[in-house]
Amino acid sequence: MGTRYLLALFLILLVLGFEVQGAHATHQDEATSTTLISQMQESLFGYWDTAKTAAENLYKKTYLPSMDEKIRDMYSKSTAAVSTYAGIFTDQVLFLLKGDE
């Protein structure tokens, strides 16, 4: 599965988890609701730290210097191409808007 699908699945599960927790909660006063917000924030930070640690461990485990060099080279070539085509596109749009003067 792609990273987009994993991110979407993670967000859906996170929202559903909060919905289930919220379904059990009864009417609360404002002081309790602020603690609920802080609990949600702590929970999100915990999930983020866990995902970050897992990604770092996976990267360290599968690190290949030759692959890293290829990825960096591919990134630099693709950003150069995108910036070139973005410049051409910008020139074309400006020409369409201004026309020959």
PDB file of N, CA and C in Angstrom:
ATOM      1  N   MET A   1       0.842  -1.178   0.000  1.00  0.00           N
ATOM      2  CA  MET A   1       0.000   0.000   0.000  1.00  0.00           C
ATOM      3  C   MET A   1       0.885   1.237   0.000  1.00  0.00           C
ATOM      4  N   GLY A   2       0.404   2.265  -0.639  1.00  0.00           N
ATOM      5  CA  GLY A   2       1.141   3.509  -0.707  1.00  0.00           C
ATOM      6  C   GLY A   2       1.038   4.279   0.599  1.00  0.00           C
ATOM      7  N   THR A   3       1.904   5.256   0.742  1.00  0.00           N
ATOM      8  CA  THR A   3       1.900   6.047   1.964  1.00  0.00           C
ATOM      9  C   THR A   3       0.628   6.870   2.099  1.00  0.00           C
ATOM     10  N   ARG A   4       0.031   7.245   0.966  1.00  0.00           N
ATOM     11  CA  ARG A   4      -1.229   7.994   1.043  1.00  0.00           C
ATOM     12  C   ARG A   4      -2.331   7.137   1.663  1.00  0.00           C
ATOM     13  N   TYR A   5      -2.376   5.873   1.267  1.00  0.00           N
ATOM     14  CA  TYR A   5      -3.404   4.999   1.817  1.00  0.00           C
ATOM     15  C   TYR A   5      -3.170   4.750   3.301  1.00  0.00           C
ATOM     16  N   LEU A   6      -1.909   4.600   3.697  1.00  0.00           N
ATOM     17  CA  LEU A   6      -1.613   4.398   5.113  1.00  0.00           C
ATOM     18  C   LEU A   6      -1.971   5.635   5.922  1.00  0.00           C
ATOM     19  N   LEU A   7      -1.668   6.810   5.394  1.00  0.00           N
ATOM     20  CA  LEU A   7      -2.013   8.037   6.094  1.00  0.00           C
ATOM     21  C   LEU A   7      -3.522   8.192   6.213  1.00  0.00           C
ATOM     22  N   ALA A   8      -4.241   7.924   5.130  1.00  0.00           N
ATOM     23  CA  ALA A   8      -5.702   8.020   5.162  1.00  0.00           C
ATOM     24  C   ALA A   8      -6.289   7.018   6.157  1.00  0.00           C
ATOM     25  N   LEU A   9      -5.770   5.803   6.151  1.00  0.00           N
ATOM     26  CA  LEU A   9      -6.249   4.787   7.080  1.00  0.00           C
ATOM     27  C   LEU A   9      -5.964   5.197   8.517  1.00  0.00           C
ATOM     28  N   PHE A  10      -4.781   5.744   8.761  1.00  0.00           N
ATOM     29  CA  PHE A  10      -4.414   6.197  10.099  1.00  0.00           C
ATOM     30  C   PHE A  10      -5.357   7.290  10.575  1.00  0.00           C
ATOM     31  N   LEU A  11      -5.634   8.263   9.713  1.00  0.00           N
ATOM     32  CA  LEU A  11      -6.515   9.362  10.101  1.00  0.00           C
ATOM     33  C   LEU A  11      -7.943   8.887  10.349  1.00  0.00           C
ATOM     34  N   ILE A  12      -8.424   7.974   9.530  1.00  0.00           N
ATOM     35  CA  ILE A  12      -9.775   7.424   9.719  1.00  0.00           C
ATOM     36  C   ILE A  12      -9.870   6.686  11.041  1.00  0.00           C
ATOM     37  N   LEU A  13      -8.870   5.844  11.324  1.00  0.00           N
ATOM     38  CA  LEU A  13      -8.873   5.110  12.591  1.00  0.00           C
ATOM     39  C   LEU A  13      -8.761   6.050  13.780  1.00  0.00           C
ATOM     40  N   LEU A  14      -7.987   7.106  13.636  1.00  0.00           N
ATOM     41  CA  LEU A  14      -7.847   8.073  14.703  1.00  0.00           C
ATOM     42  C   LEU A  14      -9.170   8.777  14.985  1.00  0.00           C
ATOM     43  N   VAL A  15      -9.856   9.196  13.934  1.00  0.00           N
ATOM     44  CA  VAL A  15     -11.155   9.857  14.101  1.00  0.00           C
ATOM     45  C   VAL A  15     -12.170   8.893  14.701  1.00  0.00           C
ATOM     46  N   LEU A  16     -12.188   7.665  14.217  1.00  0.00           N
ATOM     47  CA  LEU A  16     -13.126   6.684  14.767  1.00  0.00           C
ATOM     48  C   LEU A  16     -12.831   6.398  16.232  1.00  0.00           C
ATOM     49  N   GLY A  17     -11.564   6.341  16.589  1.00  0.00           N
ATOM     50  CA  GLY A  17     -11.194   6.128  17.991  1.00  0.00           C
ATOM     51  C   GLY A  17     -11.681   7.255  18.879  1.00  0.00           C
ATOM     52  N   PHE A  18     -11.554   8.483  18.405  1.00  0.00           N
ATOM     53  CA  PHE A  18     -12.035   9.608  19.185  1.00  0.00           C
ATOM     54  C   PHE A  18     -13.560   9.627  19.242  1.00  0.00           C
ATOM     55  N   GLU A  19     -14.225   9.179  18.185  1.00  0.00           N
ATOM     56  CA  GLU A  19     -15.684   9.110  18.197  1.00  0.00           C
ATOM     57  C   GLU A  19     -16.159   8.087  19.221  1.00  0.00           C
ATOM     58  N   VAL A  20     -15.482   6.956  19.291  1.00  0.00           N
ATOM     59  CA  VAL A  20     -15.871   5.932  20.256  1.00  0.00           C
ATOM     60  C   VAL A  20     -15.652   6.437  21.666  1.00  0.00           C
ATOM     61  N   GLN A  21     -14.532   7.106  21.898  1.00  0.00           N
ATOM     62  CA  GLN A  21     -14.289   7.657  23.230  1.00  0.00           C
ATOM     63  C   GLN A  21     -15.307   8.736  23.560  1.00  0.00           C
ATOM     64  N   GLY A  22     -15.687   9.532  22.566  1.00  0.00           N
ATOM     65  CA  GLY A  22     -16.650  10.599  22.793  1.00  0.00           C
ATOM     66  C   GLY A  22     -18.057  10.074  23.015  1.00  0.00           C
ATOM     67  N   ALA A  23     -18.383   8.907  22.469  1.00  0.00           N
ATOM     68  CA  ALA A  23     -19.724   8.339  22.640  1.00  0.00           C
ATOM     69  C   ALA A  23     -19.967   7.923  24.085  1.00  0.00           C
ATOM     70  N   HIS A  24     -18.908   7.534  24.780  1.00  0.00           N
ATOM     71  CA  HIS A  24     -19.060   7.106  26.170  1.00  0.00           C
ATOM     72  C   HIS A  24     -19.112   8.290  27.138  1.00  0.00           C
ATOM     73  N   ALA A  25     -18.669   9.425  26.680  1.00  0.00           N
ATOM     74  CA  ALA A  25     -18.634  10.603  27.554  1.00  0.00           C
ATOM     75  C   ALA A  25     -20.033  11.186  27.702  1.00  0.00           C
ATOM     76  N   THR A  26     -20.336  11.622  28.894  1.00  0.00           N
ATOM     77  CA  THR A  26     -21.608  12.298  29.139  1.00  0.00           C
ATOM     78  C   THR A  26     -21.355  13.800  29.113  1.00  0.00           C
ATOM     79  N   HIS A  27     -22.386  14.560  29.452  1.00  0.00           N
ATOM     80  CA  HIS A  27     -22.239  16.010  29.465  1.00  0.00           C
ATOM     81  C   HIS A  27     -21.155  16.393  30.474  1.00  0.00           C
ATOM     82  N   GLN A  28     -20.224  17.226  30.007  1.00  0.00           N
ATOM     83  CA  GLN A  28     -19.104  17.612  30.862  1.00  0.00           C
ATOM     84  C   GLN A  28     -19.063  19.122  30.945  1.00  0.00           C
ATOM     85  N   ASP A  29     -18.538  19.618  32.063  1.00  0.00           N
ATOM     86  CA  ASP A  29     -18.377  21.064  32.169  1.00  0.00           C
ATOM     87  C   ASP A  29     -17.116  21.506  31.437  1.00  0.00           C
ATOM     88  N   GLU A  30     -16.862  22.803  31.382  1.00  0.00           N
ATOM     89  CA  GLU A  30     -15.758  23.330  30.585  1.00  0.00           C
ATOM     90  C   GLU A  30     -14.408  22.891  31.127  1.00  0.00           C
ATOM     91  N   ALA A  31     -14.278  22.768  32.413  1.00  0.00           N
ATOM     92  CA  ALA A  31     -12.999  22.350  32.988  1.00  0.00           C
ATOM     93  C   ALA A  31     -12.645  20.942  32.542  1.00  0.00           C
ATOM     94  N   THR A  32     -13.627  20.071  32.491  1.00  0.00           N
ATOM     95  CA  THR A  32     -13.383  18.701  32.048  1.00  0.00           C
ATOM     96  C   THR A  32     -13.085  18.664  30.566  1.00  0.00           C
ATOM     97  N   SER A  33     -13.741  19.527  29.784  1.00  0.00           N
ATOM     98  CA  SER A  33     -13.509  19.529  28.345  1.00  0.00           C
ATOM     99  C   SER A  33     -12.103  20.002  28.011  1.00  0.00           C
ATOM    100  N   THR A  34     -11.544  20.897  28.792  1.00  0.00           N
ATOM    101  CA  THR A  34     -10.161  21.308  28.535  1.00  0.00           C
ATOM    102  C   THR A  34      -9.207  20.151  28.810  1.00  0.00           C
ATOM    103  N   THR A  35      -9.519  19.349  29.801  1.00  0.00           N
ATOM    104  CA  THR A  35      -8.659  18.196  30.045  1.00  0.00           C
ATOM    105  C   THR A  35      -8.820  17.177  28.920  1.00  0.00           C
ATOM    106  N   LEU A  36     -10.015  17.089  28.345  1.00  0.00           N
ATOM    107  CA  LEU A  36     -10.216  16.191  27.213  1.00  0.00           C
ATOM    108  C   LEU A  36      -9.379  16.646  26.021  1.00  0.00           C
ATOM    109  N   ILE A  37      -9.325  17.959  25.790  1.00  0.00           N
ATOM    110  CA  ILE A  37      -8.510  18.487  24.695  1.00  0.00           C
ATOM    111  C   ILE A  37      -7.041  18.179  24.941  1.00  0.00           C
ATOM    112  N   SER A  38      -6.592  18.363  26.158  1.00  0.00           N
ATOM    113  CA  SER A  38      -5.184  18.070  26.452  1.00  0.00           C
ATOM    114  C   SER A  38      -4.903  16.581  26.318  1.00  0.00           C
ATOM    115  N   GLN A  39      -5.866  15.740  26.692  1.00  0.00           N
ATOM    116  CA  GLN A  39      -5.685  14.294  26.519  1.00  0.00           C
ATOM    117  C   GLN A  39      -5.618  13.935  25.042  1.00  0.00           C
ATOM    118  N   MET A  40      -6.468  14.568  24.239  1.00  0.00           N
ATOM    119  CA  MET A  40      -6.431  14.312  22.801  1.00  0.00           C
ATOM    120  C   MET A  40      -5.094  14.759  22.218  1.00  0.00           C
ATOM    121  N   GLN A  41      -4.600  15.907  22.656  1.00  0.00           N
ATOM    122  CA  GLN A  41      -3.322  16.416  22.171  1.00  0.00           C
ATOM    123  C   GLN A  41      -2.189  15.480  22.559  1.00  0.00           C
ATOM    124  N   GLU A  42      -2.187  15.016  23.801  1.00  0.00           N
ATOM    125  CA  GLU A  42      -1.163  14.074  24.242  1.00  0.00           C
ATOM    126  C   GLU A  42      -1.239  12.779  23.446  1.00  0.00           C
ATOM    127  N   SER A  43      -2.447  12.328  23.174  1.00  0.00           N
ATOM    128  CA  SER A  43      -2.629  11.103  22.399  1.00  0.00           C
ATOM    129  C   SER A  43      -2.094  11.271  20.982  1.00  0.00           C
ATOM    130  N   LEU A  44      -2.412  12.411  20.359  1.00  0.00           N
ATOM    131  CA  LEU A  44      -1.909  12.671  19.009  1.00  0.00           C
ATOM    132  C   LEU A  44      -0.390  12.750  18.988  1.00  0.00           C
ATOM    133  N   PHE A  45       0.189  13.430  19.973  1.00  0.00           N
ATOM    134  CA  PHE A  45       1.645  13.506  20.035  1.00  0.00           C
ATOM    135  C   PHE A  45       2.256  12.127  20.257  1.00  0.00           C
ATOM    136  N   GLY A  46       1.584  11.306  21.045  1.00  0.00           N
ATOM    137  CA  GLY A  46       2.067   9.937  21.264  1.00  0.00           C
ATOM    138  C   GLY A  46       2.040   9.123  19.986  1.00  0.00           C
ATOM    139  N   TYR A  47       0.938   9.214  19.239  1.00  0.00           N
ATOM    140  CA  TYR A  47       0.860   8.511  17.956  1.00  0.00           C
ATOM    141  C   TYR A  47       1.923   9.017  16.991  1.00  0.00           C
ATOM    142  N   TRP A  48       2.116  10.345  16.968  1.00  0.00           N
ATOM    143  CA  TRP A  48       3.106  10.935  16.067  1.00  0.00           C
ATOM    144  C   TRP A  48       4.508  10.448  16.422  1.00  0.00           C
ATOM    145  N   ASP A  49       4.837  10.454  17.717  1.00  0.00           N
ATOM    146  CA  ASP A  49       6.166  10.000  18.139  1.00  0.00           C
ATOM    147  C   ASP A  49       6.378   8.530  17.818  1.00  0.00           C
ATOM    148  N   THR A  50       5.349   7.722  17.994  1.00  0.00           N
ATOM    149  CA  THR A  50       5.457   6.300  17.680  1.00  0.00           C
ATOM    150  C   THR A  50       5.678   6.089  16.186  1.00  0.00           C
ATOM    151  N   ALA A  51       4.913   6.796  15.363  1.00  0.00           N
ATOM    152  CA  ALA A  51       5.076   6.662  13.914  1.00  0.00           C
ATOM    153  C   ALA A  51       6.440   7.178  13.474  1.00  0.00           C
ATOM    154  N   LYS A  52       6.887   8.262  14.064  1.00  0.00           N
ATOM    155  CA  LYS A  52       8.187   8.829  13.723  1.00  0.00           C
ATOM    156  C   LYS A  52       9.316   7.868  14.095  1.00  0.00           C
ATOM    157  N   THR A  53       9.235   7.278  15.259  1.00  0.00           N
ATOM    158  CA  THR A  53      10.253   6.327  15.695  1.00  0.00           C
ATOM    159  C   THR A  53      10.262   5.100  14.793  1.00  0.00           C
ATOM    160  N   ALA A  54       9.088   4.612  14.428  1.00  0.00           N
ATOM    161  CA  ALA A  54       9.012   3.449  13.538  1.00  0.00           C
ATOM    162  C   ALA A  54       9.606   3.774  12.172  1.00  0.00           C
ATOM    163  N   ALA A  55       9.327   4.955  11.648  1.00  0.00           N
ATOM    164  CA  ALA A  55       9.880   5.350  10.346  1.00  0.00           C
ATOM    165  C   ALA A  55      11.396   5.489  10.420  1.00  0.00           C
ATOM    166  N   GLU A  56      11.899   6.085  11.492  1.00  0.00           N
ATOM    167  CA  GLU A  56      13.347   6.224  11.642  1.00  0.00           C
ATOM    168  C   GLU A  56      14.027   4.857  11.749  1.00  0.00           C
ATOM    169  N   ASN A  57      13.429   3.952  12.514  1.00  0.00           N
ATOM    170  CA  ASN A  57      14.007   2.612  12.647  1.00  0.00           C
ATOM    171  C   ASN A  57      13.997   1.874  11.313  1.00  0.00           C
ATOM    172  N   LEU A  58      12.909   2.008  10.562  1.00  0.00           N
ATOM    173  CA  LEU A  58      12.834   1.367   9.259  1.00  0.00           C
ATOM    174  C   LEU A  58      13.872   1.949   8.308  1.00  0.00           C
ATOM    175  N   TYR A  59      14.058   3.257   8.347  1.00  0.00           N
ATOM    176  CA  TYR A  59      15.050   3.905   7.488  1.00  0.00           C
ATOM    177  C   TYR A  59      16.455   3.447   7.851  1.00  0.00           C
ATOM    178  N   LYS A  60      16.748   3.374   9.149  1.00  0.00           N
ATOM    179  CA  LYS A  60      18.083   2.933   9.585  1.00  0.00           C
ATOM    180  C   LYS A  60      18.338   1.480   9.213  1.00  0.00           C
ATOM    181  N   LYS A  61      17.287   0.668   9.291  1.00  0.00           N
ATOM    182  CA  LYS A  61      17.444  -0.753   8.998  1.00  0.00           C
ATOM    183  C   LYS A  61      17.659  -0.998   7.503  1.00  0.00           C
ATOM    184  N   THR A  62      17.018  -0.216   6.665  1.00  0.00           N
ATOM    185  CA  THR A  62      17.077  -0.452   5.223  1.00  0.00           C
ATOM    186  C   THR A  62      17.951   0.557   4.495  1.00  0.00           C
ATOM    187  N   TYR A  63      18.798   1.271   5.195  1.00  0.00           N
ATOM    188  CA  TYR A  63      19.634   2.303   4.581  1.00  0.00           C
ATOM    189  C   TYR A  63      20.669   1.672   3.662  1.00  0.00           C
ATOM    190  N   LEU A  64      20.697   2.116   2.417  1.00  0.00           N
ATOM    191  CA  LEU A  64      21.686   1.684   1.439  1.00  0.00           C
ATOM    192  C   LEU A  64      22.332   2.936   0.853  1.00  0.00           C
ATOM    193  N   PRO A  65      23.642   3.100   1.011  1.00  0.00           N
ATOM    194  CA  PRO A  65      24.289   4.327   0.514  1.00  0.00           C
ATOM    195  C   PRO A  65      24.115   4.525  -0.989  1.00  0.00           C
ATOM    196  N   SER A  66      24.203   3.455  -1.771  1.00  0.00           N
ATOM    197  CA  SER A  66      24.057   3.607  -3.221  1.00  0.00           C
ATOM    198  C   SER A  66      22.640   4.046  -3.582  1.00  0.00           C
ATOM    199  N   MET A  67      21.647   3.497  -2.905  1.00  0.00           N
ATOM    200  CA  MET A  67      20.261   3.887  -3.154  1.00  0.00           C
ATOM    201  C   MET A  67      20.028   5.321  -2.710  1.00  0.00           C
ATOM    202  N   ASP A  68      20.614   5.716  -1.593  1.00  0.00           N
ATOM    203  CA  ASP A  68      20.478   7.078  -1.117  1.00  0.00           C
ATOM    204  C   ASP A  68      21.067   8.063  -2.130  1.00  0.00           C
ATOM    205  N   GLU A  69      22.210   7.719  -2.711  1.00  0.00           N
ATOM    206  CA  GLU A  69      22.825   8.572  -3.722  1.00  0.00           C
ATOM    207  C   GLU A  69      21.944   8.679  -4.962  1.00  0.00           C
ATOM    208  N   LYS A  70      21.348   7.563  -5.372  1.00  0.00           N
ATOM    209  CA  LYS A  70      20.454   7.587  -6.538  1.00  0.00           C
ATOM    210  C   LYS A  70      19.223   8.446  -6.269  1.00  0.00           C
ATOM    211  N   ILE A  71      18.676   8.340  -5.079  1.00  0.00           N
ATOM    212  CA  ILE A  71      17.491   9.122  -4.730  1.00  0.00           C
ATOM    213  C   ILE A  71      17.822  10.607  -4.713  1.00  0.00           C
ATOM    214  N   ARG A  72      18.964  10.964  -4.144  1.00  0.00           N
ATOM    215  CA  ARG A  72      19.367  12.372  -4.108  1.00  0.00           C
ATOM    216  C   ARG A  72      19.582  12.910  -5.528  1.00  0.00           C
ATOM    217  N   ASP A  73      20.204  12.107  -6.397  1.00  0.00           N
ATOM    218  CA  ASP A  73      20.432  12.524  -7.771  1.00  0.00           C
ATOM    219  C   ASP A  73      19.110  12.696  -8.517  1.00  0.00           C
ATOM    220  N   MET A  74      18.204  11.731  -8.319  1.00  0.00           N
ATOM    221  CA  MET A  74      16.896  11.805  -8.965  1.00  0.00           C
ATOM    222  C   MET A  74      16.118  13.032  -8.465  1.00  0.00           C
ATOM    223  N   TYR A  75      16.221  13.324  -7.186  1.00  0.00           N
ATOM    224  CA  TYR A  75      15.537  14.488  -6.619  1.00  0.00           C
ATOM    225  C   TYR A  75      16.080  15.777  -7.218  1.00  0.00           C
ATOM    226  N   SER A  76      17.394  15.892  -7.315  1.00  0.00           N
ATOM    227  CA  SER A  76      17.968  17.130  -7.851  1.00  0.00           C
ATOM    228  C   SER A  76      17.611  17.314  -9.329  1.00  0.00           C
ATOM    229  N   LYS A  77      17.613  16.225 -10.098  1.00  0.00           N
ATOM    230  CA  LYS A  77      17.237  16.327 -11.514  1.00  0.00           C
ATOM    231  C   LYS A  77      15.764  16.687 -11.672  1.00  0.00           C
ATOM    232  N   SER A  78      14.923  16.073 -10.868  1.00  0.00           N
ATOM    233  CA  SER A  78      13.484  16.339 -11.004  1.00  0.00           C
ATOM    234  C   SER A  78      13.144  17.758 -10.559  1.00  0.00           C
ATOM    235  N   THR A  79      13.776  18.264  -9.499  1.00  0.00           N
ATOM    236  CA  THR A  79      13.493  19.639  -9.086  1.00  0.00           C
ATOM    237  C   THR A  79      14.002  20.638 -10.113  1.00  0.00           C
ATOM    238  N   ALA A  80      15.121  20.330 -10.763  1.00  0.00           N
ATOM    239  CA  ALA A  80      15.617  21.208 -11.818  1.00  0.00           C
ATOM    240  C   ALA A  80      14.636  21.244 -12.986  1.00  0.00           C
ATOM    241  N   ALA A  81      14.117  20.080 -13.355  1.00  0.00           N
ATOM    242  CA  ALA A  81      13.158  20.019 -14.460  1.00  0.00           C
ATOM    243  C   ALA A  81      11.862  20.741 -14.102  1.00  0.00           C
ATOM    244  N   VAL A  82      11.377  20.534 -12.900  1.00  0.00           N
ATOM    245  CA  VAL A  82      10.135  21.179 -12.487  1.00  0.00           C
ATOM    246  C   VAL A  82      10.303  22.688 -12.453  1.00  0.00           C
ATOM    247  N   SER A  83      11.419  23.167 -11.942  1.00  0.00           N
ATOM    248  CA  SER A  83      11.622  24.619 -11.904  1.00  0.00           C
ATOM    249  C   SER A  83      11.733  25.191 -13.318  1.00  0.00           C
ATOM    250  N   THR A  84      12.352  24.448 -14.232  1.00  0.00           N
ATOM    251  CA  THR A  84      12.436  24.913 -15.619  1.00  0.00           C
ATOM    252  C   THR A  84      11.050  25.007 -16.242  1.00  0.00           C
ATOM    253  N   TYR A  85      10.265  23.939 -16.109  1.00  0.00           N
ATOM    254  CA  TYR A  85       8.927  23.937 -16.695  1.00  0.00           C
ATOM    255  C   TYR A  85       8.001  24.936 -16.000  1.00  0.00           C
ATOM    256  N   ALA A  86       8.192  25.158 -14.710  1.00  0.00           N
ATOM    257  CA  ALA A  86       7.391  26.163 -14.014  1.00  0.00           C
ATOM    258  C   ALA A  86       7.708  27.553 -14.547  1.00  0.00           C
ATOM    259  N   GLY A  87       8.986  27.802 -14.849  1.00  0.00           N
ATOM    260  CA  GLY A  87       9.367  29.084 -15.441  1.00  0.00           C
ATOM    261  C   GLY A  87       8.758  29.272 -16.812  1.00  0.00           C
ATOM    262  N   ILE A  88       8.779  28.233 -17.622  1.00  0.00           N
ATOM    263  CA  ILE A  88       8.178  28.300 -18.962  1.00  0.00           C
ATOM    264  C   ILE A  88       6.675  28.545 -18.852  1.00  0.00           C
ATOM    265  N   PHE A  89       6.020  27.836 -17.956  1.00  0.00           N
ATOM    266  CA  PHE A  89       4.583  27.994 -17.759  1.00  0.00           C
ATOM    267  C   PHE A  89       4.250  29.411 -17.301  1.00  0.00           C
ATOM    268  N   THR A  90       5.047  29.932 -16.382  1.00  0.00           N
ATOM    269  CA  THR A  90       4.829  31.299 -15.905  1.00  0.00           C
ATOM    270  C   THR A  90       4.977  32.304 -17.041  1.00  0.00           C
ATOM    271  N   ASP A  91       6.005  32.118 -17.868  1.00  0.00           N
ATOM    272  CA  ASP A  91       6.184  33.011 -19.009  1.00  0.00           C
ATOM    273  C   ASP A  91       4.987  32.951 -19.958  1.00  0.00           C
ATOM    274  N   GLN A  92       4.482  31.758 -20.213  1.00  0.00           N
ATOM    275  CA  GLN A  92       3.338  31.605 -21.116  1.00  0.00           C
ATOM    276  C   GLN A  92       2.084  32.279 -20.556  1.00  0.00           C
ATOM    277  N   VAL A  93       1.862  32.116 -19.256  1.00  0.00           N
ATOM    278  CA  VAL A  93       0.684  32.730 -18.635  1.00  0.00           C
ATOM    279  C   VAL A  93       0.796  34.249 -18.684  1.00  0.00           C
ATOM    280  N   LEU A  94       1.979  34.761 -18.377  1.00  0.00           N
ATOM    281  CA  LEU A  94       2.159  36.216 -18.439  1.00  0.00           C
ATOM    282  C   LEU A  94       1.984  36.734 -19.856  1.00  0.00           C
ATOM    283  N   PHE A  95       2.444  35.985 -20.836  1.00  0.00           N
ATOM    284  CA  PHE A  95       2.285  36.393 -22.234  1.00  0.00           C
ATOM    285  C   PHE A  95       0.810  36.410 -22.622  1.00  0.00           C
ATOM    286  N   LEU A  96       0.057  35.392 -22.159  1.00  0.00           N
ATOM    287  CA  LEU A  96      -1.374  35.352 -22.445  1.00  0.00           C
ATOM    288  C   LEU A  96      -2.106  36.517 -21.793  1.00  0.00           C
ATOM    289  N   LEU A  97      -1.707  36.879 -20.585  1.00  0.00           N
ATOM    290  CA  LEU A  97      -2.387  37.951 -19.878  1.00  0.00           C
ATOM    291  C   LEU A  97      -2.020  39.337 -20.420  1.00  0.00           C
ATOM    292  N   LYS A  98      -0.741  39.529 -20.738  1.00  0.00           N
ATOM    293  CA  LYS A  98      -0.299  40.847 -21.203  1.00  0.00           C
ATOM    294  C   LYS A  98      -0.382  40.979 -22.726  1.00  0.00           C
ATOM    295  N   GLY A  99      -0.048  39.920 -23.429  1.00  0.00           N
ATOM    296  CA  GLY A  99      -0.046  39.975 -24.883  1.00  0.00           C
ATOM    297  C   GLY A  99       1.187  40.699 -25.384  1.00  0.00           C
ATOM    298  N   ASP A 100       1.211  41.005 -26.667  1.00  0.00           N
ATOM    299  CA  ASP A 100       2.338  41.754 -27.253  1.00  0.00           C
ATOM    300  C   ASP A 100       2.176  43.231 -26.951  1.00  0.00           C
ATOM    301  N   GLU A 101       3.178  43.805 -26.376  1.00  0.00           N
ATOM    302  CA  GLU A 101       3.112  45.236 -26.065  1.00  0.00           C
ATOM    303  C   GLU A 101       4.103  45.997 -26.874  1.00  0.00           C
TER     304      GLU A 101
END
